[in-house]
């Protein structure tokens, strides 16, 4: 068997086995192989779109959280500069310590906001990733909807060893 394209021989079977293989792998349009290829293209398209949409949303979120973190750092350095000036101009060590305590409270508040932002960030990233996965997979799986953390009556009790 010979396969020609634009006058060139691209494939020539030399035995019955090769001729059969050529017939099963190179098929005319509209055959099951073409339909599988189209289905695969569709799946890959969905996966790539979900991936890049996830990346875009993640970058937007990371930009926002980074901007907020840098603003807090600027607030902290400006507050520290003002506090240092007031500490050196204070009349007594007690007044200087009071200025320092005010700055330290602001610093703790900024660190608390950092921690809350980090916690929120983890939740948002998990949600973005879950949504991207659901888009690729066509929705949550049955296992993903199951309450796998709830023990059942069939679960045996866990024996605890005595520490003594």
C-alpha atoms as a PDB file:
ATOM      1  CA  UNK A   1       0.000   0.000   0.000  1.00  0.00           C
ATOM      2  CA  UNK A   2       1.249   3.493  -0.805  1.00  0.00           C
ATOM      3  CA  UNK A   3       0.066   6.730   0.739  1.00  0.00           C
ATOM      4  CA  UNK A   4       0.634   9.836  -1.342  1.00  0.00           C
ATOM      5  CA  UNK A   5       0.312  13.488  -0.495  1.00  0.00           C
ATOM      6  CA  UNK A   6       1.061  16.223  -3.041  1.00  0.00           C
ATOM      7  CA  UNK A   7       2.667  13.659  -5.310  1.00  0.00           C
ATOM      8  CA  UNK A   8       5.091  12.355  -2.667  1.00  0.00           C
ATOM      9  CA  UNK A   9       5.047   8.842  -1.242  1.00  0.00           C
ATOM     10  CA  UNK A  10       4.800   9.234   2.523  1.00  0.00           C
ATOM     11  CA  UNK A  11       4.258   5.616   3.482  1.00  0.00           C
ATOM     12  CA  UNK A  12       4.599   2.306   1.684  1.00  0.00           C
ATOM     13  CA  UNK A  13       3.632  -0.962   3.342  1.00  0.00           C
ATOM     14  CA  UNK A  14       5.926  -3.856   2.505  1.00  0.00           C
ATOM     15  CA  UNK A  15       3.969  -6.631   4.189  1.00  0.00           C
ATOM     16  CA  UNK A  16       0.378  -7.560   4.990  1.00  0.00           C
ATOM     17  CA  UNK A  17       0.935  -6.650   8.700  1.00  0.00           C
ATOM     18  CA  UNK A  18       2.227  -3.165   7.901  1.00  0.00           C
ATOM     19  CA  UNK A  19      -0.613  -2.698   5.426  1.00  0.00           C
ATOM     20  CA  UNK A  20      -3.133  -3.517   8.183  1.00  0.00           C
ATOM     21  CA  UNK A  21      -1.407  -1.178  10.641  1.00  0.00           C
ATOM     22  CA  UNK A  22      -1.479   1.649   8.120  1.00  0.00           C
ATOM     23  CA  UNK A  23      -5.185   1.158   7.544  1.00  0.00           C
ATOM     24  CA  UNK A  24      -5.953   1.243  11.299  1.00  0.00           C
ATOM     25  CA  UNK A  25      -3.888   4.317  12.225  1.00  0.00           C
ATOM     26  CA  UNK A  26      -4.281   6.605   9.229  1.00  0.00           C
ATOM     27  CA  UNK A  27      -7.948   7.051   8.600  1.00  0.00           C
ATOM     28  CA  UNK A  28     -10.172   9.290   6.530  1.00  0.00           C
ATOM     29  CA  UNK A  29     -12.000  12.218   8.127  1.00  0.00           C
ATOM     30  CA  UNK A  30     -15.017  11.426  10.273  1.00  0.00           C
ATOM     31  CA  UNK A  31     -13.751   8.102  11.605  1.00  0.00           C
ATOM     32  CA  UNK A  32     -13.558   7.133  15.294  1.00  0.00           C
ATOM     33  CA  UNK A  33      -9.886   8.167  15.378  1.00  0.00           C
ATOM     34  CA  UNK A  34     -10.770  11.668  14.215  1.00  0.00           C
ATOM     35  CA  UNK A  35     -13.579  11.907  16.754  1.00  0.00           C
ATOM     36  CA  UNK A  36     -11.178  10.832  19.521  1.00  0.00           C
ATOM     37  CA  UNK A  37      -8.650  13.415  18.389  1.00  0.00           C
ATOM     38  CA  UNK A  38     -11.320  16.124  18.450  1.00  0.00           C
ATOM     39  CA  UNK A  39     -12.458  15.039  21.905  1.00  0.00           C
ATOM     40  CA  UNK A  40      -8.856  15.127  23.125  1.00  0.00           C
ATOM     41  CA  UNK A  41      -8.407  18.612  21.653  1.00  0.00           C
ATOM     42  CA  UNK A  42     -11.519  19.744  23.503  1.00  0.00           C
ATOM     43  CA  UNK A  43     -10.286  18.310  26.785  1.00  0.00           C
ATOM     44  CA  UNK A  44      -6.856  19.876  26.358  1.00  0.00           C
ATOM     45  CA  UNK A  45      -8.473  23.200  25.472  1.00  0.00           C
ATOM     46  CA  UNK A  46     -10.567  23.075  28.659  1.00  0.00           C
ATOM     47  CA  UNK A  47      -7.527  22.166  30.752  1.00  0.00           C
ATOM     48  CA  UNK A  48      -5.338  24.893  29.295  1.00  0.00           C
ATOM     49  CA  UNK A  49      -8.057  27.532  29.667  1.00  0.00           C
ATOM     50  CA  UNK A  50      -8.651  26.493  33.299  1.00  0.00           C
ATOM     51  CA  UNK A  51      -4.917  26.570  33.997  1.00  0.00           C
ATOM     52  CA  UNK A  52      -4.345  30.037  32.556  1.00  0.00           C
ATOM     53  CA  UNK A  53      -7.513  31.468  34.132  1.00  0.00           C
ATOM     54  CA  UNK A  54      -6.304  30.094  37.473  1.00  0.00           C
ATOM     55  CA  UNK A  55      -2.881  31.675  36.907  1.00  0.00           C
ATOM     56  CA  UNK A  56      -4.436  35.051  36.045  1.00  0.00           C
ATOM     57  CA  UNK A  57      -6.705  35.077  39.102  1.00  0.00           C
ATOM     58  CA  UNK A  58      -3.882  33.898  41.340  1.00  0.00           C
ATOM     59  CA  UNK A  59      -1.596  36.665  40.069  1.00  0.00           C
ATOM     60  CA  UNK A  60      -4.328  39.266  40.631  1.00  0.00           C
ATOM     61  CA  UNK A  61      -4.799  38.021  44.180  1.00  0.00           C
ATOM     62  CA  UNK A  62      -1.051  37.855  44.860  1.00  0.00           C
ATOM     63  CA  UNK A  63      -0.666  41.413  43.569  1.00  0.00           C
ATOM     64  CA  UNK A  64      -3.363  42.647  45.940  1.00  0.00           C
ATOM     65  CA  UNK A  65      -1.989  40.854  48.978  1.00  0.00           C
ATOM     66  CA  UNK A  66       1.557  42.017  48.183  1.00  0.00           C
ATOM     67  CA  UNK A  67       0.417  45.611  47.779  1.00  0.00           C
ATOM     68  CA  UNK A  68      -1.348  45.484  51.166  1.00  0.00           C
ATOM     69  CA  UNK A  69       1.734  43.933  52.808  1.00  0.00           C
ATOM     70  CA  UNK A  70       4.018  46.656  51.404  1.00  0.00           C
ATOM     71  CA  UNK A  71       1.616  49.395  52.525  1.00  0.00           C
ATOM     72  CA  UNK A  72       1.736  47.998  56.064  1.00  0.00           C
ATOM     73  CA  UNK A  73       5.534  47.896  55.946  1.00  0.00           C
ATOM     74  CA  UNK A  74       5.578  51.558  54.869  1.00  0.00           C
ATOM     75  CA  UNK A  75       3.144  52.407  57.681  1.00  0.00           C
ATOM     76  CA  UNK A  76       5.470  50.622  60.104  1.00  0.00           C
ATOM     77  CA  UNK A  77       8.617  52.425  58.988  1.00  0.00           C
ATOM     78  CA  UNK A  78       6.877  55.830  59.021  1.00  0.00           C
ATOM     79  CA  UNK A  79       5.448  55.111  62.474  1.00  0.00           C
ATOM     80  CA  UNK A  80       8.878  53.965  63.700  1.00  0.00           C
ATOM     81  CA  UNK A  81      10.505  57.175  62.442  1.00  0.00           C
ATOM     82  CA  UNK A  82       7.899  59.344  64.182  1.00  0.00           C
ATOM     83  CA  UNK A  83       8.175  57.267  67.347  1.00  0.00           C
ATOM     84  CA  UNK A  84      11.955  57.515  67.392  1.00  0.00           C
ATOM     85  CA  UNK A  85      11.740  61.309  67.042  1.00  0.00           C
ATOM     86  CA  UNK A  86       9.227  61.542  69.883  1.00  0.00           C
ATOM     87  CA  UNK A  87      11.244  59.149  72.066  1.00  0.00           C
ATOM     88  CA  UNK A  88      14.399  61.251  71.759  1.00  0.00           C
ATOM     89  CA  UNK A  89      12.438  64.429  72.440  1.00  0.00           C
ATOM     90  CA  UNK A  90      10.590  62.971  75.461  1.00  0.00           C
ATOM     91  CA  UNK A  91      11.169  64.465  78.898  1.00  0.00           C
ATOM     92  CA  UNK A  92      11.617  61.182  80.757  1.00  0.00           C
ATOM     93  CA  UNK A  93      12.387  57.509  80.164  1.00  0.00           C
ATOM     94  CA  UNK A  94       8.788  56.701  81.107  1.00  0.00           C
ATOM     95  CA  UNK A  95       7.513  59.004  78.346  1.00  0.00           C
ATOM     96  CA  UNK A  96       9.943  57.370  75.886  1.00  0.00           C
ATOM     97  CA  UNK A  97       8.703  53.900  76.871  1.00  0.00           C
ATOM     98  CA  UNK A  98       5.111  55.045  76.408  1.00  0.00           C
ATOM     99  CA  UNK A  99       5.960  56.204  72.870  1.00  0.00           C
ATOM    100  CA  UNK A 100       7.660  52.873  72.189  1.00  0.00           C
ATOM    101  CA  UNK A 101       4.651  50.935  73.556  1.00  0.00           C
ATOM    102  CA  UNK A 102       2.350  52.833  71.190  1.00  0.00           C
ATOM    103  CA  UNK A 103       4.574  51.918  68.243  1.00  0.00           C
ATOM    104  CA  UNK A 104       4.805  48.270  69.394  1.00  0.00           C
ATOM    105  CA  UNK A 105       0.987  48.034  69.578  1.00  0.00           C
ATOM    106  CA  UNK A 106       0.733  49.319  66.008  1.00  0.00           C
ATOM    107  CA  UNK A 107       3.376  46.815  64.925  1.00  0.00           C
ATOM    108  CA  UNK A 108       1.437  43.944  66.496  1.00  0.00           C
ATOM    109  CA  UNK A 109      -1.724  45.127  64.730  1.00  0.00           C
ATOM    110  CA  UNK A 110       0.119  45.141  61.389  1.00  0.00           C
ATOM    111  CA  UNK A 111       1.486  41.635  62.033  1.00  0.00           C
ATOM    112  CA  UNK A 112      -2.019  40.446  62.926  1.00  0.00           C
ATOM    113  CA  UNK A 113      -3.322  41.848  59.625  1.00  0.00           C
ATOM    114  CA  UNK A 114      -0.456  40.038  57.857  1.00  0.00           C
ATOM    115  CA  UNK A 115      -1.504  36.753  59.496  1.00  0.00           C
ATOM    116  CA  UNK A 116      -5.171  37.289  58.626  1.00  0.00           C
ATOM    117  CA  UNK A 117      -4.247  38.100  55.024  1.00  0.00           C
ATOM    118  CA  UNK A 118      -2.122  34.947  54.848  1.00  0.00           C
ATOM    119  CA  UNK A 119      -5.000  32.852  56.176  1.00  0.00           C
ATOM    120  CA  UNK A 120      -7.395  34.433  53.689  1.00  0.00           C
ATOM    121  CA  UNK A 121      -4.837  33.921  50.917  1.00  0.00           C
ATOM    122  CA  UNK A 122      -4.607  30.183  51.603  1.00  0.00           C
ATOM    123  CA  UNK A 123      -8.403  29.880  51.519  1.00  0.00           C
ATOM    124  CA  UNK A 124      -8.657  31.864  48.264  1.00  0.00           C
ATOM    125  CA  UNK A 125      -5.894  29.867  46.571  1.00  0.00           C
ATOM    126  CA  UNK A 126      -7.560  26.613  47.644  1.00  0.00           C
ATOM    127  CA  UNK A 127     -10.878  27.862  46.241  1.00  0.00           C
ATOM    128  CA  UNK A 128      -9.250  28.952  42.966  1.00  0.00           C
ATOM    129  CA  UNK A 129      -7.542  25.584  42.628  1.00  0.00           C
ATOM    130  CA  UNK A 130     -10.717  23.678  43.442  1.00  0.00           C
ATOM    131  CA  UNK A 131     -12.719  25.701  40.912  1.00  0.00           C
ATOM    132  CA  UNK A 132     -10.069  25.142  38.225  1.00  0.00           C
ATOM    133  CA  UNK A 133     -10.076  21.408  38.991  1.00  0.00           C
ATOM    134  CA  UNK A 134     -13.880  21.268  38.820  1.00  0.00           C
ATOM    135  CA  UNK A 135     -13.815  23.080  35.481  1.00  0.00           C
ATOM    136  CA  UNK A 136     -11.351  20.562  34.052  1.00  0.00           C
ATOM    137  CA  UNK A 137     -13.126  17.550  35.552  1.00  0.00           C
ATOM    138  CA  UNK A 138     -16.644  18.766  34.750  1.00  0.00           C
ATOM    139  CA  UNK A 139     -17.678  19.342  38.368  1.00  0.00           C
ATOM    140  CA  UNK A 140     -16.963  17.769  41.729  1.00  0.00           C
ATOM    141  CA  UNK A 141     -16.557  14.019  41.848  1.00  0.00           C
ATOM    142  CA  UNK A 142     -18.744  11.789  43.988  1.00  0.00           C
ATOM    143  CA  UNK A 143     -15.786  11.218  46.295  1.00  0.00           C
ATOM    144  CA  UNK A 144     -15.310  14.975  46.581  1.00  0.00           C
ATOM    145  CA  UNK A 145     -18.911  15.369  47.693  1.00  0.00           C
ATOM    146  CA  UNK A 146     -18.763  12.536  50.224  1.00  0.00           C
ATOM    147  CA  UNK A 147     -18.310  13.292  53.889  1.00  0.00           C
ATOM    148  CA  UNK A 148     -15.186  11.178  54.292  1.00  0.00           C
ATOM    149  CA  UNK A 149     -14.222  12.605  57.675  1.00  0.00           C
ATOM    150  CA  UNK A 150     -17.312  11.401  59.534  1.00  0.00           C
ATOM    151  CA  UNK A 151     -16.791   8.046  61.266  1.00  0.00           C
ATOM    152  CA  UNK A 152     -19.480   5.457  60.763  1.00  0.00           C
ATOM    153  CA  UNK A 153     -20.794   2.653  62.931  1.00  0.00           C
ATOM    154  CA  UNK A 154     -18.653   0.266  60.908  1.00  0.00           C
ATOM    155  CA  UNK A 155     -15.460   2.053  62.023  1.00  0.00           C
ATOM    156  CA  UNK A 156     -13.832   0.223  64.923  1.00  0.00           C
ATOM    157  CA  UNK A 157     -12.954   2.300  67.972  1.00  0.00           C
ATOM    158  CA  UNK A 158      -9.340   3.394  68.221  1.00  0.00           C
ATOM    159  CA  UNK A 159      -7.578   1.708  71.114  1.00  0.00           C
ATOM    160  CA  UNK A 160      -5.586   4.082  73.271  1.00  0.00           C
ATOM    161  CA  UNK A 161      -2.434   2.819  74.918  1.00  0.00           C
ATOM    162  CA  UNK A 162      -1.863   3.629  78.535  1.00  0.00           C
ATOM    163  CA  UNK A 163       0.985   6.115  78.893  1.00  0.00           C
ATOM    164  CA  UNK A 164       1.997   4.705  82.288  1.00  0.00           C
END
